[in-house]
Amino acid sequence: MEKVAELMEELCSVPSPSGMEGELAEVVAEFLEERTGCVERFPWGVLVNPEAEVVVCTHLDTATPGKCRVEGEWARGSGACDAKASVCALMLALGEAEPLRIGGAFLVGEESTGEGSEALGEVLEPRMGVVLEPTSLRLATRVYGTLEVEFRVAGRSAHAATPACGVNPVVRSFRLLEELEALPARVSVLRISAGGDVYAVPEECRMLVDLLFPPEVELEELRERVMGLASSYGTAEVVDEAPGMVLRGRCAGLVEEALRRAGVGVRRCSMPSWCDAVNLQLAGWDTVVFGPGELGVCHTGEERVRLEEVRAAAEVLLELNRVVCAR
């Protein structure tokens, strides 16, 4: 546990919001160069033992700026769980594995553009990939798709004391949300804005919404239904989208065996959010998602991860190295 706490302290002291991962990348590279001697640096990340059949990936960037900290049995704060806990676990596993048979990829931009995993998929030939994300040490073989849409809901302005003379676009936005929630997707309102300092019913309400959907739902069909609903309220523009995926292949079996050997046990789940596994799967990789921490608290002021879970994740990755050695 001492190694976990010490390394997490160091990682937590280095802020690494998207676009500013360089200092943390250098910390990772120096640590692993000393212990493995097979580190390659790129603008989009750090690679360790890139010829390996199985490459374990995580991301260096955090969704929000600021530092995190270790407090007793927990690490808390921006990026503590997503994904410095995974960075720590992977660093420890790569540094202690003997002989080293798995590879490691520490990527930039997962919280923004996905450029790190996109570049990795272009540089390396398709292989097996374990993508570390907060799954509470469960094995995710299903990744939800995402459809992020900005709606511009139309209204008609009027003096605020005579609302019946106008059409309030905020009220209409709530009605649109009710219709969106009837679709086969989870609806997350990311931003909503309307009106200003003038005492008047606003003319327009802008709303950024992310619809997350299981792999069984077709992206094209969902997009068509969403845009059809939007046309009755105003206009809409797709900001980002990615299909849902079922991750089938040999990699899941290897991670299952590592989980059993580490005494963690095999519990399955879905990854309800986009992650680097999507880019790698689209590039032809055989991927799964697994990692320490609870996703629900990430990107919030309550972000935290238990150090014991980080240690357990490192042990699973060490066992994964042993499983690959035995193949």
Foldseek 3Di string as FASTA:
>chain_A
DVLLQVVLQVLLVDWAAFPRQVVVLVVLQVLLCVQQVAWDDDPFWIKGPQVAQEEEEAERHWNDTDGWHDDVQKIADTCSVRPVLVSSLVSLLSRPAVPFRYMYIYGGDFNHDLVNLLVVLVPDAAHEYEYEHAPQQAKAQKEWKKWKKKAKFFKAKDQLVCCVVIGARVVVVVVLVVVLVVDQWDKDWPDKDFDDDHRMRTGIIITIIMTIHTQVDDPVVSVVVSQVSRVVGHGMDTPDIAHIDGQDDDNSVLLQVLCVVLVNHHDYDHHRHDGSVRSSVVSPYRYMYGYFDDPVCGPHNGGMGGSVRSNSSSSSSNSSSVSSVVD
